[in-house]
Amino acid sequence: ARPPVCKIMDFGKYKYEQSKRVKESRKKQHVTQLKEIRFKTPKISEHDLEYRAAQARDFLKHGNKVKVSVRFWGREMTHVELGQRKLEHMAQILEDVGTIEQRPRLEGRSMSLVLMPR
């Protein structure tokens, strides 16, 4: 091409602007974290469940995954379906902001469910 395509510039200034662009792009990235909400027992009251759901809703709105866990104590292990119902109810409350990534699963003495943001 005439005239030749080139630009005379300060290399230090160019490097500085490039590093500034990289820093800006890093700032815009969001690393998703796994936040956990625990119930000490599957016999949690409705109000407490709604309060925890509000916390989980906040986590999901910020783009984080949420793990909801229920711990079973003593003879509660014979009624794991109560914990499963509570977890499914929690997922139903949060269905507008999150979807189920992992269905309720029993791991030792606790059952957990993982929700991811929509």
PDB file of N, CA and C in Angstrom:
ATOM      1  N   ALA A   1       0.837  -1.188   0.000  1.00  0.00           N
ATOM      2  CA  ALA A   1       0.000   0.000   0.000  1.00  0.00           C
ATOM      3  C   ALA A   1       0.879   1.246   0.000  1.00  0.00           C
ATOM      4  N   ARG A   2       0.337   2.331  -0.537  1.00  0.00           N
ATOM      5  CA  ARG A   2       1.056   3.618  -0.541  1.00  0.00           C
ATOM      6  C   ARG A   2       0.241   4.637   0.217  1.00  0.00           C
ATOM      7  N   PRO A   3       0.716   5.261   1.182  1.00  0.00           N
ATOM      8  CA  PRO A   3       1.977   5.098   1.905  1.00  0.00           C
ATOM      9  C   PRO A   3       1.954   3.806   2.735  1.00  0.00           C
ATOM     10  N   PRO A   4       3.134   3.306   3.155  1.00  0.00           N
ATOM     11  CA  PRO A   4       3.183   2.047   3.917  1.00  0.00           C
ATOM     12  C   PRO A   4       2.346   2.149   5.211  1.00  0.00           C
ATOM     13  N   VAL A   5       1.637   1.035   5.544  1.00  0.00           N
ATOM     14  CA  VAL A   5       0.771   1.026   6.723  1.00  0.00           C
ATOM     15  C   VAL A   5       1.618   0.758   7.957  1.00  0.00           C
ATOM     16  N   CYS A   6       1.880   1.804   8.696  1.00  0.00           N
ATOM     17  CA  CYS A   6       2.609   1.662   9.951  1.00  0.00           C
ATOM     18  C   CYS A   6       2.312   2.877  10.813  1.00  0.00           C
ATOM     19  N   LYS A   7       2.634   2.761  12.072  1.00  0.00           N
ATOM     20  CA  LYS A   7       2.357   3.850  12.993  1.00  0.00           C
ATOM     21  C   LYS A   7       3.571   4.015  13.890  1.00  0.00           C
ATOM     22  N   ILE A   8       4.069   5.219  13.983  1.00  0.00           N
ATOM     23  CA  ILE A   8       5.203   5.490  14.865  1.00  0.00           C
ATOM     24  C   ILE A   8       4.616   5.858  16.217  1.00  0.00           C
ATOM     25  N   MET A   9       5.025   5.081  17.234  1.00  0.00           N
ATOM     26  CA  MET A   9       4.453   5.317  18.560  1.00  0.00           C
ATOM     27  C   MET A   9       5.434   4.963  19.657  1.00  0.00           C
ATOM     28  N   ASP A  10       5.097   5.351  20.863  1.00  0.00           N
ATOM     29  CA  ASP A  10       5.915   5.066  22.036  1.00  0.00           C
ATOM     30  C   ASP A  10       5.585   3.643  22.506  1.00  0.00           C
ATOM     31  N   PHE A  11       6.592   2.761  22.517  1.00  0.00           N
ATOM     32  CA  PHE A  11       6.365   1.361  22.883  1.00  0.00           C
ATOM     33  C   PHE A  11       5.945   1.231  24.349  1.00  0.00           C
ATOM     34  N   GLY A  12       6.501   2.051  25.217  1.00  0.00           N
ATOM     35  CA  GLY A  12       6.142   2.019  26.640  1.00  0.00           C
ATOM     36  C   GLY A  12       4.672   2.335  26.850  1.00  0.00           C
ATOM     37  N   LYS A  13       4.197   3.351  26.122  1.00  0.00           N
ATOM     38  CA  LYS A  13       2.791   3.741  26.212  1.00  0.00           C
ATOM     39  C   LYS A  13       1.891   2.619  25.688  1.00  0.00           C
ATOM     40  N   TYR A  14       2.309   1.963  24.603  1.00  0.00           N
ATOM     41  CA  TYR A  14       1.559   0.860  24.007  1.00  0.00           C
ATOM     42  C   TYR A  14       1.441  -0.299  25.001  1.00  0.00           C
ATOM     43  N   LYS A  15       2.577  -0.649  25.638  1.00  0.00           N
ATOM     44  CA  LYS A  15       2.583  -1.738  26.616  1.00  0.00           C
ATOM     45  C   LYS A  15       1.677  -1.415  27.806  1.00  0.00           C
ATOM     46  N   TYR A  16       1.734  -0.158  28.252  1.00  0.00           N
ATOM     47  CA  TYR A  16       0.915   0.281  29.380  1.00  0.00           C
ATOM     48  C   TYR A  16      -0.577   0.160  29.051  1.00  0.00           C
ATOM     49  N   GLU A  17      -0.976   0.591  27.859  1.00  0.00           N
ATOM     50  CA  GLU A  17      -2.383   0.511  27.457  1.00  0.00           C
ATOM     51  C   GLU A  17      -2.850  -0.938  27.329  1.00  0.00           C
ATOM     52  N   GLN A  18      -1.949  -1.800  26.845  1.00  0.00           N
ATOM     53  CA  GLN A  18      -2.296  -3.225  26.742  1.00  0.00           C
ATOM     54  C   GLN A  18      -2.522  -3.828  28.125  1.00  0.00           C
ATOM     55  N   SER A  19      -1.621  -3.534  29.059  1.00  0.00           N
ATOM     56  CA  SER A  19      -1.770  -4.082  30.410  1.00  0.00           C
ATOM     57  C   SER A  19      -3.036  -3.537  31.073  1.00  0.00           C
ATOM     58  N   LYS A  20      -3.378  -2.290  30.765  1.00  0.00           N
ATOM     59  CA  LYS A  20      -4.595  -1.683  31.295  1.00  0.00           C
ATOM     60  C   LYS A  20      -5.831  -2.419  30.770  1.00  0.00           C
ATOM     61  N   ARG A  21      -5.824  -2.769  29.480  1.00  0.00           N
ATOM     62  CA  ARG A  21      -6.931  -3.509  28.871  1.00  0.00           C
ATOM     63  C   ARG A  21      -7.084  -4.896  29.499  1.00  0.00           C
ATOM     64  N   VAL A  22      -5.945  -5.561  29.723  1.00  0.00           N
ATOM     65  CA  VAL A  22      -5.969  -6.899  30.327  1.00  0.00           C
ATOM     66  C   VAL A  22      -6.540  -6.821  31.741  1.00  0.00           C
ATOM     67  N   LYS A  23      -6.120  -5.819  32.499  1.00  0.00           N
ATOM     68  CA  LYS A  23      -6.599  -5.647  33.868  1.00  0.00           C
ATOM     69  C   LYS A  23      -8.107  -5.379  33.881  1.00  0.00           C
ATOM     70  N   GLU A  24      -8.581  -4.580  32.948  1.00  0.00           N
ATOM     71  CA  GLU A  24     -10.003  -4.263  32.838  1.00  0.00           C
ATOM     72  C   GLU A  24     -10.819  -5.511  32.495  1.00  0.00           C
ATOM     73  N   SER A  25     -10.295  -6.348  31.598  1.00  0.00           N
ATOM     74  CA  SER A  25     -11.025  -7.568  31.230  1.00  0.00           C
ATOM     75  C   SER A  25     -11.063  -8.554  32.397  1.00  0.00           C
ATOM     76  N   ARG A  26     -10.003  -8.591  33.209  1.00  0.00           N
ATOM     77  CA  ARG A  26      -9.989  -9.455  34.388  1.00  0.00           C
ATOM     78  C   ARG A  26     -11.022  -8.997  35.408  1.00  0.00           C
ATOM     79  N   LYS A  27     -11.204  -7.700  35.505  1.00  0.00           N
ATOM     80  CA  LYS A  27     -12.160  -7.135  36.447  1.00  0.00           C
ATOM     81  C   LYS A  27     -13.583  -7.548  36.092  1.00  0.00           C
ATOM     82  N   LYS A  28     -13.867  -7.671  34.796  1.00  0.00           N
ATOM     83  CA  LYS A  28     -15.211  -8.007  34.337  1.00  0.00           C
ATOM     84  C   LYS A  28     -15.527  -9.490  34.482  1.00  0.00           C
ATOM     85  N   GLN A  29     -14.502 -10.338  34.607  1.00  0.00           N
ATOM     86  CA  GLN A  29     -14.731 -11.775  34.752  1.00  0.00           C
ATOM     87  C   GLN A  29     -15.264 -12.066  36.148  1.00  0.00           C
ATOM     88  N   HIS A  30     -16.125 -13.076  36.269  1.00  0.00           N
ATOM     89  CA  HIS A  30     -16.666 -13.474  37.558  1.00  0.00           C
ATOM     90  C   HIS A  30     -16.402 -14.960  37.756  1.00  0.00           C
ATOM     91  N   VAL A  31     -15.716 -15.299  38.833  1.00  0.00           N
ATOM     92  CA  VAL A  31     -15.444 -16.693  39.145  1.00  0.00           C
ATOM     93  C   VAL A  31     -16.612 -17.205  39.979  1.00  0.00           C
ATOM     94  N   THR A  32     -17.289 -18.246  39.496  1.00  0.00           N
ATOM     95  CA  THR A  32     -18.422 -18.775  40.255  1.00  0.00           C
ATOM     96  C   THR A  32     -17.904 -19.589  41.427  1.00  0.00           C
ATOM     97  N   GLN A  33     -18.524 -19.361  42.565  1.00  0.00           N
ATOM     98  CA  GLN A  33     -18.164 -20.096  43.768  1.00  0.00           C
ATOM     99  C   GLN A  33     -19.330 -20.991  44.154  1.00  0.00           C
ATOM    100  N   LEU A  34     -19.039 -21.992  44.951  1.00  0.00           N
ATOM    101  CA  LEU A  34     -20.086 -22.866  45.466  1.00  0.00           C
ATOM    102  C   LEU A  34     -20.363 -22.437  46.902  1.00  0.00           C
ATOM    103  N   LYS A  35     -21.525 -21.846  47.131  1.00  0.00           N
ATOM    104  CA  LYS A  35     -21.932 -21.421  48.468  1.00  0.00           C
ATOM    105  C   LYS A  35     -22.781 -22.536  49.065  1.00  0.00           C
ATOM    106  N   GLU A  36     -22.683 -22.722  50.379  1.00  0.00           N
ATOM    107  CA  GLU A  36     -23.444 -23.800  51.012  1.00  0.00           C
ATOM    108  C   GLU A  36     -24.397 -23.244  52.055  1.00  0.00           C
ATOM    109  N   ILE A  37     -25.609 -23.770  52.060  1.00  0.00           N
ATOM    110  CA  ILE A  37     -26.602 -23.444  53.078  1.00  0.00           C
ATOM    111  C   ILE A  37     -26.971 -24.754  53.749  1.00  0.00           C
ATOM    112  N   ARG A  38     -26.850 -24.787  55.081  1.00  0.00           N
ATOM    113  CA  ARG A  38     -27.091 -26.028  55.821  1.00  0.00           C
ATOM    114  C   ARG A  38     -28.336 -25.923  56.686  1.00  0.00           C
ATOM    115  N   PHE A  39     -29.073 -27.025  56.748  1.00  0.00           N
ATOM    116  CA  PHE A  39     -30.158 -27.174  57.709  1.00  0.00           C
ATOM    117  C   PHE A  39     -29.646 -28.175  58.732  1.00  0.00           C
ATOM    118  N   LYS A  40     -29.790 -27.875  60.021  1.00  0.00           N
ATOM    119  CA  LYS A  40     -29.315 -28.807  61.036  1.00  0.00           C
ATOM    120  C   LYS A  40     -30.215 -30.028  61.149  1.00  0.00           C
ATOM    121  N   THR A  41     -31.459 -29.876  60.737  1.00  0.00           N
ATOM    122  CA  THR A  41     -32.410 -30.972  60.847  1.00  0.00           C
ATOM    123  C   THR A  41     -33.446 -30.860  59.727  1.00  0.00           C
ATOM    124  N   PRO A  42     -34.020 -31.965  59.284  1.00  0.00           N
ATOM    125  CA  PRO A  42     -35.067 -31.871  58.255  1.00  0.00           C
ATOM    126  C   PRO A  42     -36.372 -31.302  58.805  1.00  0.00           C
ATOM    127  N   LYS A  43     -36.467 -31.140  60.136  1.00  0.00           N
ATOM    128  CA  LYS A  43     -37.684 -30.607  60.752  1.00  0.00           C
ATOM    129  C   LYS A  43     -37.626 -29.079  60.851  1.00  0.00           C
ATOM    130  N   ILE A  44     -37.020 -28.422  59.876  1.00  0.00           N
ATOM    131  CA  ILE A  44     -36.898 -26.964  59.872  1.00  0.00           C
ATOM    132  C   ILE A  44     -38.274 -26.332  59.629  1.00  0.00           C
ATOM    133  N   SER A  45     -38.553 -25.239  60.330  1.00  0.00           N
ATOM    134  CA  SER A  45     -39.869 -24.596  60.182  1.00  0.00           C
ATOM    135  C   SER A  45     -39.968 -23.871  58.842  1.00  0.00           C
ATOM    136  N   GLU A  46     -41.186 -23.557  58.443  1.00  0.00           N
ATOM    137  CA  GLU A  46     -41.427 -22.930  57.140  1.00  0.00           C
ATOM    138  C   GLU A  46     -40.772 -21.550  57.058  1.00  0.00           C
ATOM    139  N   HIS A  47     -40.852 -20.773  58.142  1.00  0.00           N
ATOM    140  CA  HIS A  47     -40.257 -19.430  58.137  1.00  0.00           C
ATOM    141  C   HIS A  47     -38.741 -19.508  57.993  1.00  0.00           C
ATOM    142  N   ASP A  48     -38.118 -20.426  58.735  1.00  0.00           N
ATOM    143  CA  ASP A  48     -36.665 -20.580  58.646  1.00  0.00           C
ATOM    144  C   ASP A  48     -36.249 -21.032  57.248  1.00  0.00           C
ATOM    145  N   LEU A  49     -37.055 -21.905  56.654  1.00  0.00           N
ATOM    146  CA  LEU A  49     -36.785 -22.374  55.296  1.00  0.00           C
ATOM    147  C   LEU A  49     -36.853 -21.210  54.306  1.00  0.00           C
ATOM    148  N   GLU A  50     -37.856 -20.342  54.471  1.00  0.00           N
ATOM    149  CA  GLU A  50     -37.983 -19.181  53.586  1.00  0.00           C
ATOM    150  C   GLU A  50     -36.819 -18.209  53.768  1.00  0.00           C
ATOM    151  N   TYR A  51     -36.352 -18.060  55.016  1.00  0.00           N
ATOM    152  CA  TYR A  51     -35.211 -17.184  55.291  1.00  0.00           C
ATOM    153  C   TYR A  51     -33.954 -17.705  54.583  1.00  0.00           C
ATOM    154  N   ARG A  52     -33.720 -19.011  54.687  1.00  0.00           N
ATOM    155  CA  ARG A  52     -32.566 -19.618  54.012  1.00  0.00           C
ATOM    156  C   ARG A  52     -32.720 -19.530  52.499  1.00  0.00           C
ATOM    157  N   ALA A  53     -33.946 -19.645  52.017  1.00  0.00           N
ATOM    158  CA  ALA A  53     -34.202 -19.526  50.578  1.00  0.00           C
ATOM    159  C   ALA A  53     -33.867 -18.117  50.102  1.00  0.00           C
ATOM    160  N   ALA A  54     -34.149 -17.112  50.938  1.00  0.00           N
ATOM    161  CA  ALA A  54     -33.812 -15.730  50.576  1.00  0.00           C
ATOM    162  C   ALA A  54     -32.299 -15.560  50.474  1.00  0.00           C
ATOM    163  N   GLN A  55     -31.557 -16.195  51.391  1.00  0.00           N
ATOM    164  CA  GLN A  55     -30.090 -16.154  51.321  1.00  0.00           C
ATOM    165  C   GLN A  55     -29.604 -16.823  50.038  1.00  0.00           C
ATOM    166  N   ALA A  56     -30.159 -17.977  49.736  1.00  0.00           N
ATOM    167  CA  ALA A  56     -29.764 -18.715  48.532  1.00  0.00           C
ATOM    168  C   ALA A  56     -30.109 -17.924  47.277  1.00  0.00           C
ATOM    169  N   ARG A  57     -31.258 -17.247  47.288  1.00  0.00           N
ATOM    170  CA  ARG A  57     -31.681 -16.423  46.155  1.00  0.00           C
ATOM    171  C   ARG A  57     -30.644 -15.328  45.887  1.00  0.00           C
ATOM    172  N   ASP A  58     -30.137 -14.731  46.961  1.00  0.00           N
ATOM    173  CA  ASP A  58     -29.118 -13.687  46.834  1.00  0.00           C
ATOM    174  C   ASP A  58     -27.842 -14.256  46.209  1.00  0.00           C
ATOM    175  N   PHE A  59     -27.424 -15.438  46.667  1.00  0.00           N
ATOM    176  CA  PHE A  59     -26.226 -16.079  46.100  1.00  0.00           C
ATOM    177  C   PHE A  59     -26.421 -16.362  44.615  1.00  0.00           C
ATOM    178  N   LEU A  60     -27.588 -16.885  44.255  1.00  0.00           N
ATOM    179  CA  LEU A  60     -27.864 -17.229  42.859  1.00  0.00           C
ATOM    180  C   LEU A  60     -27.918 -15.984  41.976  1.00  0.00           C
ATOM    181  N   LYS A  61     -28.469 -14.892  42.507  1.00  0.00           N
ATOM    182  CA  LYS A  61     -28.534 -13.648  41.731  1.00  0.00           C
ATOM    183  C   LYS A  61     -27.151 -13.088  41.449  1.00  0.00           C
ATOM    184  N   HIS A  62     -26.200 -13.361  42.356  1.00  0.00           N
ATOM    185  CA  HIS A  62     -24.825 -12.907  42.146  1.00  0.00           C
ATOM    186  C   HIS A  62     -24.021 -13.876  41.284  1.00  0.00           C
ATOM    187  N   GLY A  63     -24.676 -14.931  40.779  1.00  0.00           N
ATOM    188  CA  GLY A  63     -24.024 -15.841  39.845  1.00  0.00           C
ATOM    189  C   GLY A  63     -23.282 -17.003  40.471  1.00  0.00           C
ATOM    190  N   ASN A  64     -23.509 -17.263  41.756  1.00  0.00           N
ATOM    191  CA  ASN A  64     -22.845 -18.378  42.423  1.00  0.00           C
ATOM    192  C   ASN A  64     -23.748 -19.605  42.472  1.00  0.00           C
ATOM    193  N   LYS A  65     -23.131 -20.775  42.517  1.00  0.00           N
ATOM    194  CA  LYS A  65     -23.890 -22.007  42.712  1.00  0.00           C
ATOM    195  C   LYS A  65     -24.187 -22.137  44.202  1.00  0.00           C
ATOM    196  N   VAL A  66     -25.264 -22.845  44.529  1.00  0.00           N
ATOM    197  CA  VAL A  66     -25.655 -23.021  45.928  1.00  0.00           C
ATOM    198  C   VAL A  66     -25.843 -24.501  46.218  1.00  0.00           C
ATOM    199  N   LYS A  67     -25.195 -24.967  47.288  1.00  0.00           N
ATOM    200  CA  LYS A  67     -25.374 -26.339  47.754  1.00  0.00           C
ATOM    201  C   LYS A  67     -26.217 -26.267  49.024  1.00  0.00           C
ATOM    202  N   VAL A  68     -27.363 -26.926  49.008  1.00  0.00           N
ATOM    203  CA  VAL A  68     -28.260 -26.941  50.161  1.00  0.00           C
ATOM    204  C   VAL A  68     -28.123 -28.307  50.816  1.00  0.00           C
ATOM    205  N   SER A  69     -27.765 -28.321  52.108  1.00  0.00           N
ATOM    206  CA  SER A  69     -27.522 -29.583  52.815  1.00  0.00           C
ATOM    207  C   SER A  69     -28.441 -29.724  54.019  1.00  0.00           C
ATOM    208  N   VAL A  70     -28.868 -30.956  54.263  1.00  0.00           N
ATOM    209  CA  VAL A  70     -29.651 -31.296  55.451  1.00  0.00           C
ATOM    210  C   VAL A  70     -28.871 -32.352  56.207  1.00  0.00           C
ATOM    211  N   ARG A  71     -28.658 -32.129  57.498  1.00  0.00           N
ATOM    212  CA  ARG A  71     -27.924 -33.080  58.331  1.00  0.00           C
ATOM    213  C   ARG A  71     -28.939 -33.907  59.122  1.00  0.00           C
ATOM    214  N   PHE A  72     -28.732 -35.212  59.146  1.00  0.00           N
ATOM    215  CA  PHE A  72     -29.618 -36.108  59.887  1.00  0.00           C
ATOM    216  C   PHE A  72     -28.933 -36.528  61.184  1.00  0.00           C
ATOM    217  N   TRP A  73     -29.654 -36.408  62.305  1.00  0.00           N
ATOM    218  CA  TRP A  73     -29.126 -36.759  63.618  1.00  0.00           C
ATOM    219  C   TRP A  73     -29.880 -37.969  64.163  1.00  0.00           C
ATOM    220  N   GLY A  74     -29.154 -38.919  64.723  1.00  0.00           N
ATOM    221  CA  GLY A  74     -29.761 -40.056  65.414  1.00  0.00           C
ATOM    222  C   GLY A  74     -30.765 -40.825  64.583  1.00  0.00           C
ATOM    223  N   ARG A  75     -31.994 -40.908  65.095  1.00  0.00           N
ATOM    224  CA  ARG A  75     -33.037 -41.703  64.439  1.00  0.00           C
ATOM    225  C   ARG A  75     -33.649 -41.017  63.225  1.00  0.00           C
ATOM    226  N   GLU A  76     -33.245 -39.793  62.949  1.00  0.00           N
ATOM    227  CA  GLU A  76     -33.763 -39.101  61.758  1.00  0.00           C
ATOM    228  C   GLU A  76     -33.349 -39.824  60.476  1.00  0.00           C
ATOM    229  N   MET A  77     -32.319 -40.652  60.551  1.00  0.00           N
ATOM    230  CA  MET A  77     -31.855 -41.389  59.372  1.00  0.00           C
ATOM    231  C   MET A  77     -32.926 -42.342  58.839  1.00  0.00           C
ATOM    232  N   THR A  78     -33.888 -42.701  59.688  1.00  0.00           N
ATOM    233  CA  THR A  78     -34.960 -43.586  59.216  1.00  0.00           C
ATOM    234  C   THR A  78     -35.979 -42.833  58.370  1.00  0.00           C
ATOM    235  N   HIS A  79     -35.950 -41.485  58.427  1.00  0.00           N
ATOM    236  CA  HIS A  79     -36.909 -40.668  57.676  1.00  0.00           C
ATOM    237  C   HIS A  79     -36.186 -39.731  56.714  1.00  0.00           C
ATOM    238  N   VAL A  80     -35.362 -40.290  55.833  1.00  0.00           N
ATOM    239  CA  VAL A  80     -34.625 -39.460  54.870  1.00  0.00           C
ATOM    240  C   VAL A  80     -35.560 -38.797  53.858  1.00  0.00           C
ATOM    241  N   GLU A  81     -36.763 -39.352  53.688  1.00  0.00           N
ATOM    242  CA  GLU A  81     -37.710 -38.745  52.738  1.00  0.00           C
ATOM    243  C   GLU A  81     -38.160 -37.358  53.204  1.00  0.00           C
ATOM    244  N   LEU A  82     -38.138 -37.095  54.530  1.00  0.00           N
ATOM    245  CA  LEU A  82     -38.466 -35.754  55.031  1.00  0.00           C
ATOM    246  C   LEU A  82     -37.435 -34.739  54.542  1.00  0.00           C
ATOM    247  N   GLY A  83     -36.175 -35.117  54.628  1.00  0.00           N
ATOM    248  CA  GLY A  83     -35.107 -34.236  54.152  1.00  0.00           C
ATOM    249  C   GLY A  83     -35.189 -34.022  52.653  1.00  0.00           C
ATOM    250  N   GLN A  84     -35.508 -35.079  51.933  1.00  0.00           N
ATOM    251  CA  GLN A  84     -35.625 -34.968  50.479  1.00  0.00           C
ATOM    252  C   GLN A  84     -36.775 -34.037  50.104  1.00  0.00           C
ATOM    253  N   ARG A  85     -37.889 -34.131  50.842  1.00  0.00           N
ATOM    254  CA  ARG A  85     -39.029 -33.243  50.576  1.00  0.00           C
ATOM    255  C   ARG A  85     -38.660 -31.784  50.845  1.00  0.00           C
ATOM    256  N   LYS A  86     -37.899 -31.543  51.937  1.00  0.00           N
ATOM    257  CA  LYS A  86     -37.488 -30.167  52.258  1.00  0.00           C
ATOM    258  C   LYS A  86     -36.577 -29.610  51.166  1.00  0.00           C
ATOM    259  N   LEU A  87     -35.654 -30.429  50.679  1.00  0.00           N
ATOM    260  CA  LEU A  87     -34.747 -29.972  49.621  1.00  0.00           C
ATOM    261  C   LEU A  87     -35.510 -29.684  48.334  1.00  0.00           C
ATOM    262  N   GLU A  88     -36.456 -30.550  47.991  1.00  0.00           N
ATOM    263  CA  GLU A  88     -37.252 -30.324  46.780  1.00  0.00           C
ATOM    264  C   GLU A  88     -38.140 -29.087  46.921  1.00  0.00           C
ATOM    265  N   HIS A  89     -38.635 -28.847  48.139  1.00  0.00           N
ATOM    266  CA  HIS A  89     -39.430 -27.642  48.394  1.00  0.00           C
ATOM    267  C   HIS A  89     -38.558 -26.393  48.230  1.00  0.00           C
ATOM    268  N   MET A  90     -37.325 -26.472  48.716  1.00  0.00           N
ATOM    269  CA  MET A  90     -36.373 -25.358  48.571  1.00  0.00           C
ATOM    270  C   MET A  90     -36.105 -25.088  47.087  1.00  0.00           C
ATOM    271  N   ALA A  91     -35.919 -26.143  46.308  1.00  0.00           N
ATOM    272  CA  ALA A  91     -35.684 -25.987  44.866  1.00  0.00           C
ATOM    273  C   ALA A  91     -36.907 -25.375  44.190  1.00  0.00           C
ATOM    274  N   GLN A  92     -38.093 -25.737  44.657  1.00  0.00           N
ATOM    275  CA  GLN A  92     -39.330 -25.199  44.091  1.00  0.00           C
ATOM    276  C   GLN A  92     -39.452 -23.706  44.395  1.00  0.00           C
ATOM    277  N   ILE A  93     -39.067 -23.292  45.605  1.00  0.00           N
ATOM    278  CA  ILE A  93     -39.102 -21.872  45.976  1.00  0.00           C
ATOM    279  C   ILE A  93     -38.154 -21.069  45.086  1.00  0.00           C
ATOM    280  N   LEU A  94     -36.999 -21.655  44.764  1.00  0.00           N
ATOM    281  CA  LEU A  94     -35.953 -20.942  44.024  1.00  0.00           C
ATOM    282  C   LEU A  94     -35.969 -21.203  42.523  1.00  0.00           C
ATOM    283  N   GLU A  95     -37.019 -21.822  41.994  1.00  0.00           N
ATOM    284  CA  GLU A  95     -37.022 -22.192  40.578  1.00  0.00           C
ATOM    285  C   GLU A  95     -37.000 -20.994  39.632  1.00  0.00           C
ATOM    286  N   ASP A  96     -37.378 -19.794  40.115  1.00  0.00           N
ATOM    287  CA  ASP A  96     -37.356 -18.615  39.245  1.00  0.00           C
ATOM    288  C   ASP A  96     -35.946 -18.069  39.035  1.00  0.00           C
ATOM    289  N   VAL A  97     -35.015 -18.332  39.974  1.00  0.00           N
ATOM    290  CA  VAL A  97     -33.641 -17.822  39.832  1.00  0.00           C
ATOM    291  C   VAL A  97     -32.601 -18.915  39.614  1.00  0.00           C
ATOM    292  N   GLY A  98     -32.961 -20.177  39.860  1.00  0.00           N
ATOM    293  CA  GLY A  98     -31.983 -21.246  39.712  1.00  0.00           C
ATOM    294  C   GLY A  98     -32.580 -22.543  39.212  1.00  0.00           C
ATOM    295  N   THR A  99     -31.709 -23.393  38.688  1.00  0.00           N
ATOM    296  CA  THR A  99     -32.129 -24.719  38.235  1.00  0.00           C
ATOM    297  C   THR A  99     -31.320 -25.772  38.982  1.00  0.00           C
ATOM    298  N   ILE A 100     -31.866 -26.961  39.074  1.00  0.00           N
ATOM    299  CA  ILE A 100     -31.185 -28.046  39.789  1.00  0.00           C
ATOM    300  C   ILE A 100     -30.052 -28.578  38.925  1.00  0.00           C
ATOM    301  N   GLU A 101     -28.850 -28.561  39.480  1.00  0.00           N
ATOM    302  CA  GLU A 101     -27.698 -29.142  38.786  1.00  0.00           C
ATOM    303  C   GLU A 101     -27.496 -30.577  39.246  1.00  0.00           C
ATOM    304  N   GLN A 102     -27.714 -30.803  40.547  1.00  0.00           N
ATOM    305  CA  GLN A 102     -27.557 -32.148  41.107  1.00  0.00           C
ATOM    306  C   GLN A 102     -28.765 -32.433  41.994  1.00  0.00           C
ATOM    307  N   ARG A 103     -29.474 -33.500  41.711  1.00  0.00           N
ATOM    308  CA  ARG A 103     -30.661 -33.879  42.475  1.00  0.00           C
ATOM    309  C   ARG A 103     -30.267 -34.220  43.916  1.00  0.00           C
ATOM    310  N   PRO A 104     -31.234 -34.233  44.854  1.00  0.00           N
ATOM    311  CA  PRO A 104     -30.913 -34.580  46.241  1.00  0.00           C
ATOM    312  C   PRO A 104     -30.238 -35.947  46.338  1.00  0.00           C
ATOM    313  N   ARG A 105     -29.096 -35.973  47.017  1.00  0.00           N
ATOM    314  CA  ARG A 105     -28.307 -37.198  47.111  1.00  0.00           C
ATOM    315  C   ARG A 105     -27.826 -37.381  48.545  1.00  0.00           C
ATOM    316  N   LEU A 106     -27.944 -38.583  49.059  1.00  0.00           N
ATOM    317  CA  LEU A 106     -27.526 -38.888  50.421  1.00  0.00           C
ATOM    318  C   LEU A 106     -26.038 -39.198  50.436  1.00  0.00           C
ATOM    319  N   GLU A 107     -25.303 -38.468  51.288  1.00  0.00           N
ATOM    320  CA  GLU A 107     -23.859 -38.682  51.441  1.00  0.00           C
ATOM    321  C   GLU A 107     -23.582 -38.848  52.929  1.00  0.00           C
ATOM    322  N   GLY A 108     -23.476 -40.084  53.389  1.00  0.00           N
ATOM    323  CA  GLY A 108     -23.259 -40.315  54.814  1.00  0.00           C
ATOM    324  C   GLY A 108     -24.498 -39.940  55.607  1.00  0.00           C
ATOM    325  N   ARG A 109     -24.351 -38.977  56.532  1.00  0.00           N
ATOM    326  CA  ARG A 109     -25.478 -38.540  57.354  1.00  0.00           C
ATOM    327  C   ARG A 109     -26.115 -37.247  56.846  1.00  0.00           C
ATOM    328  N   SER A 110     -25.724 -36.797  55.663  1.00  0.00           N
ATOM    329  CA  SER A 110     -26.330 -35.570  55.132  1.00  0.00           C
ATOM    330  C   SER A 110     -26.815 -35.789  53.704  1.00  0.00           C
ATOM    331  N   MET A 111     -27.825 -35.029  53.343  1.00  0.00           N
ATOM    332  CA  MET A 111     -28.375 -35.079  51.994  1.00  0.00           C
ATOM    333  C   MET A 111     -28.184 -33.693  51.401  1.00  0.00           C
ATOM    334  N   SER A 112     -27.749 -33.645  50.150  1.00  0.00           N
ATOM    335  CA  SER A 112     -27.494 -32.330  49.561  1.00  0.00           C
ATOM    336  C   SER A 112     -28.043 -32.228  48.150  1.00  0.00           C
ATOM    337  N   LEU A 113     -28.238 -30.981  47.731  1.00  0.00           N
ATOM    338  CA  LEU A 113     -28.793 -30.630  46.437  1.00  0.00           C
ATOM    339  C   LEU A 113     -27.984 -29.430  45.951  1.00  0.00           C
ATOM    340  N   VAL A 114     -27.636 -29.383  44.670  1.00  0.00           N
ATOM    341  CA  VAL A 114     -26.869 -28.256  44.129  1.00  0.00           C
ATOM    342  C   VAL A 114     -27.730 -27.521  43.104  1.00  0.00           C
ATOM    343  N   LEU A 115     -27.827 -26.202  43.289  1.00  0.00           N
ATOM    344  CA  LEU A 115     -28.572 -25.339  42.370  1.00  0.00           C
ATOM    345  C   LEU A 115     -27.597 -24.428  41.647  1.00  0.00           C
ATOM    346  N   MET A 116     -27.876 -24.167  40.374  1.00  0.00           N
ATOM    347  CA  MET A 116     -27.036 -23.232  39.624  1.00  0.00           C
ATOM    348  C   MET A 116     -27.911 -22.096  39.105  1.00  0.00           C
ATOM    349  N   PRO A 117     -27.326 -20.915  38.920  1.00  0.00           N
ATOM    350  CA  PRO A 117     -28.134 -19.777  38.472  1.00  0.00           C
ATOM    351  C   PRO A 117     -28.669 -19.971  37.061  1.00  0.00           C
ATOM    352  N   ARG A 118     -29.820 -19.384  36.767  1.00  0.00           N
ATOM    353  CA  ARG A 118     -30.426 -19.455  35.432  1.00  0.00           C
ATOM    354  C   ARG A 118     -29.674 -18.577  34.476  1.00  0.00           C
TER     355      ARG A 118
END
